Amino acid sequence: MARNKIKTLRQFDDDDLKDKLTDLKVDLAKLRSEALKGTLKKDAGVIRWKRRDIARILTIMNERVRGKKTQ
């Protein structure tokens, strides 16, 4: 899966962001379990990028919630 840019993530609606977030969390859990087993070889750096993509999505979702509260 390609890395997510903040500009493209902002174009998604809330439902798409939630779906993407759950997919990323599932992928991250699989990668972490492989890392614990020792079977994760060349994808070791992917964990960092998955975590950052999750943080990007959560940031966008929180910005939208805070924007709705102030209006």
N, C-alpha and C. Protein backbone atom coordinates (compact mmCIF):
# COMPACT_ATOMS: atom_id res chain seq x y z
N MET A 1 0.84 -1.17 0.00
CA MET A 1 0.00 0.00 0.00
C MET A 1 0.89 1.24 0.00
N ALA A 2 0.52 2.21 -0.79
CA ALA A 2 1.30 3.43 -0.91
C ALA A 2 1.12 4.30 0.32
N ARG A 3 2.12 5.12 0.58
CA ARG A 3 2.05 6.04 1.70
C ARG A 3 0.98 7.09 1.44
N ASN A 4 0.38 7.57 2.49
CA ASN A 4 -0.71 8.53 2.37
C ASN A 4 -0.20 9.95 2.58
N LYS A 5 -0.54 10.81 1.67
CA LYS A 5 -0.20 12.22 1.79
C LYS A 5 -1.32 12.92 2.53
N ILE A 6 -0.98 13.94 3.29
CA ILE A 6 -1.98 14.65 4.07
C ILE A 6 -2.99 15.35 3.16
N LYS A 7 -2.52 15.81 2.02
CA LYS A 7 -3.41 16.51 1.08
C LYS A 7 -4.49 15.57 0.55
N THR A 8 -4.13 14.35 0.22
CA THR A 8 -5.12 13.40 -0.29
C THR A 8 -6.04 12.90 0.82
N LEU A 9 -5.51 12.78 2.03
CA LEU A 9 -6.34 12.32 3.14
C LEU A 9 -7.40 13.34 3.50
N ARG A 10 -7.10 14.61 3.34
CA ARG A 10 -8.06 15.66 3.67
C ARG A 10 -9.24 15.65 2.70
N GLN A 11 -9.08 15.06 1.54
CA GLN A 11 -10.16 15.01 0.56
C GLN A 11 -11.17 13.91 0.87
N PHE A 12 -10.81 12.95 1.72
CA PHE A 12 -11.71 11.86 2.07
C PHE A 12 -12.78 12.36 3.03
N ASP A 13 -13.94 11.71 3.01
CA ASP A 13 -14.96 12.04 3.99
C ASP A 13 -14.72 11.19 5.25
N ASP A 14 -15.52 11.42 6.27
CA ASP A 14 -15.29 10.79 7.57
C ASP A 14 -15.38 9.27 7.52
N ASP A 15 -16.33 8.75 6.75
CA ASP A 15 -16.48 7.29 6.66
C ASP A 15 -15.27 6.64 6.00
N ASP A 16 -14.76 7.27 4.94
CA ASP A 16 -13.58 6.73 4.27
C ASP A 16 -12.36 6.77 5.18
N LEU A 17 -12.23 7.83 5.96
CA LEU A 17 -11.11 7.92 6.90
C LEU A 17 -11.20 6.84 7.97
N LYS A 18 -12.40 6.58 8.46
CA LYS A 18 -12.56 5.53 9.46
C LYS A 18 -12.21 4.16 8.90
N ASP A 19 -12.62 3.91 7.65
CA ASP A 19 -12.30 2.63 7.01
C ASP A 19 -10.79 2.49 6.82
N LYS A 20 -10.17 3.55 6.37
CA LYS A 20 -8.72 3.54 6.16
C LYS A 20 -7.98 3.34 7.48
N LEU A 21 -8.51 3.97 8.53
CA LEU A 21 -7.90 3.85 9.85
C LEU A 21 -7.96 2.41 10.36
N THR A 22 -9.10 1.76 10.19
CA THR A 22 -9.21 0.37 10.65
C THR A 22 -8.29 -0.54 9.83
N ASP A 23 -8.19 -0.29 8.53
CA ASP A 23 -7.29 -1.09 7.70
C ASP A 23 -5.84 -0.94 8.15
N LEU A 24 -5.44 0.29 8.42
CA LEU A 24 -4.07 0.54 8.86
C LEU A 24 -3.79 -0.10 10.21
N LYS A 25 -4.77 -0.06 11.11
CA LYS A 25 -4.57 -0.67 12.43
C LYS A 25 -4.45 -2.18 12.33
N VAL A 26 -5.23 -2.79 11.44
CA VAL A 26 -5.13 -4.24 11.24
C VAL A 26 -3.77 -4.59 10.64
N ASP A 27 -3.33 -3.82 9.65
CA ASP A 27 -2.02 -4.07 9.05
C ASP A 27 -0.90 -3.91 10.07
N LEU A 28 -1.02 -2.88 10.91
CA LEU A 28 0.00 -2.65 11.93
C LEU A 28 0.04 -3.80 12.93
N ALA A 29 -1.11 -4.30 13.31
CA ALA A 29 -1.14 -5.43 14.25
C ALA A 29 -0.48 -6.66 13.64
N LYS A 30 -0.73 -6.91 12.35
CA LYS A 30 -0.10 -8.05 11.68
C LYS A 30 1.41 -7.88 11.63
N LEU A 31 1.86 -6.67 11.29
CA LEU A 31 3.30 -6.42 11.22
C LEU A 31 3.96 -6.57 12.58
N ARG A 32 3.29 -6.09 13.61
CA ARG A 32 3.87 -6.20 14.95
C ARG A 32 3.96 -7.65 15.40
N SER A 33 2.95 -8.45 15.06
CA SER A 33 3.00 -9.86 15.44
C SER A 33 4.10 -10.59 14.68
N GLU A 34 4.29 -10.24 13.41
CA GLU A 34 5.38 -10.84 12.64
C GLU A 34 6.73 -10.42 13.21
N ALA A 35 6.83 -9.18 13.66
CA ALA A 35 8.08 -8.71 14.23
C ALA A 35 8.40 -9.45 15.53
N LEU A 36 7.38 -9.74 16.32
CA LEU A 36 7.61 -10.47 17.56
C LEU A 36 8.02 -11.91 17.30
N LYS A 37 7.44 -12.50 16.24
CA LYS A 37 7.81 -13.87 15.89
C LYS A 37 9.20 -13.95 15.28
N GLY A 38 9.64 -12.86 14.69
CA GLY A 38 10.94 -12.85 14.05
C GLY A 38 10.86 -13.15 12.57
N THR A 39 9.67 -13.18 12.00
CA THR A 39 9.52 -13.49 10.58
C THR A 39 9.46 -12.25 9.71
N LEU A 40 9.53 -11.09 10.31
CA LEU A 40 9.48 -9.83 9.56
C LEU A 40 10.90 -9.51 9.10
N LYS A 41 11.13 -9.56 7.81
CA LYS A 41 12.49 -9.36 7.30
C LYS A 41 12.67 -7.98 6.70
N LYS A 42 12.23 -7.82 5.47
CA LYS A 42 12.54 -6.57 4.76
C LYS A 42 11.53 -5.47 5.04
N ASP A 43 10.40 -5.78 5.65
CA ASP A 43 9.36 -4.79 5.90
C ASP A 43 9.45 -4.18 7.28
N ALA A 44 10.60 -4.23 7.91
CA ALA A 44 10.73 -3.74 9.28
C ALA A 44 10.48 -2.24 9.36
N GLY A 45 10.83 -1.49 8.33
CA GLY A 45 10.63 -0.04 8.36
C GLY A 45 9.20 0.38 8.08
N VAL A 46 8.38 -0.55 7.66
CA VAL A 46 6.99 -0.23 7.32
C VAL A 46 6.18 0.10 8.58
N ILE A 47 6.57 -0.46 9.71
CA ILE A 47 5.84 -0.22 10.95
C ILE A 47 5.83 1.27 11.28
N ARG A 48 6.95 1.93 11.10
CA ARG A 48 7.03 3.36 11.38
C ARG A 48 6.07 4.14 10.50
N TRP A 49 6.02 3.80 9.22
CA TRP A 49 5.15 4.54 8.29
C TRP A 49 3.69 4.28 8.54
N LYS A 50 3.36 3.06 8.95
CA LYS A 50 1.96 2.76 9.29
C LYS A 50 1.53 3.59 10.50
N ARG A 51 2.40 3.68 11.50
CA ARG A 51 2.09 4.46 12.69
C ARG A 51 1.91 5.93 12.33
N ARG A 52 2.73 6.45 11.46
CA ARG A 52 2.62 7.84 11.06
C ARG A 52 1.36 8.10 10.25
N ASP A 53 0.99 7.16 9.39
CA ASP A 53 -0.25 7.31 8.63
C ASP A 53 -1.47 7.30 9.55
N ILE A 54 -1.43 6.44 10.57
CA ILE A 54 -2.51 6.41 11.55
C ILE A 54 -2.59 7.76 12.27
N ALA A 55 -1.45 8.30 12.64
CA ALA A 55 -1.43 9.60 13.32
C ALA A 55 -1.97 10.70 12.42
N ARG A 56 -1.65 10.65 11.14
CA ARG A 56 -2.17 11.65 10.21
C ARG A 56 -3.70 11.61 10.14
N ILE A 57 -4.23 10.41 10.05
CA ILE A 57 -5.69 10.27 9.95
C ILE A 57 -6.36 10.73 11.23
N LEU A 58 -5.80 10.36 12.38
CA LEU A 58 -6.37 10.80 13.65
C LEU A 58 -6.31 12.31 13.80
N THR A 59 -5.25 12.92 13.31
CA THR A 59 -5.12 14.37 13.37
C THR A 59 -6.21 15.04 12.54
N ILE A 60 -6.43 14.54 11.34
CA ILE A 60 -7.46 15.11 10.48
C ILE A 60 -8.84 14.95 11.11
N MET A 61 -9.11 13.79 11.68
CA MET A 61 -10.40 13.55 12.30
C MET A 61 -10.61 14.48 13.49
N ASN A 62 -9.57 14.69 14.30
CA ASN A 62 -9.68 15.58 15.44
C ASN A 62 -9.85 17.04 15.01
N GLU A 63 -9.18 17.43 13.94
CA GLU A 63 -9.34 18.79 13.43
C GLU A 63 -10.79 19.03 13.00
N ARG A 64 -11.37 18.04 12.37
CA ARG A 64 -12.75 18.18 11.91
C ARG A 64 -13.71 18.26 13.09
N VAL A 65 -13.48 17.48 14.13
CA VAL A 65 -14.35 17.51 15.31
C VAL A 65 -14.23 18.87 16.00
N ARG A 66 -13.03 19.36 16.15
CA ARG A 66 -12.83 20.65 16.81
C ARG A 66 -13.41 21.78 15.98
N GLY A 67 -13.35 21.65 14.65
CA GLY A 67 -13.91 22.67 13.78
C GLY A 67 -15.42 22.73 13.89
N LYS A 68 -16.05 21.58 14.09
CA LYS A 68 -17.50 21.53 14.23
C LYS A 68 -17.95 22.11 15.56
N LYS A 69 -17.13 21.95 16.60
CA LYS A 69 -17.49 22.46 17.92
C LYS A 69 -17.46 23.99 17.97
N THR A 70 -16.54 24.60 17.26
CA THR A 70 -16.39 26.05 17.33
C THR A 70 -17.39 26.78 16.45
N GLN A 71 -17.99 26.07 15.52
CA GLN A 71 -18.93 26.74 14.60
C GLN A 71 -20.29 26.87 15.17
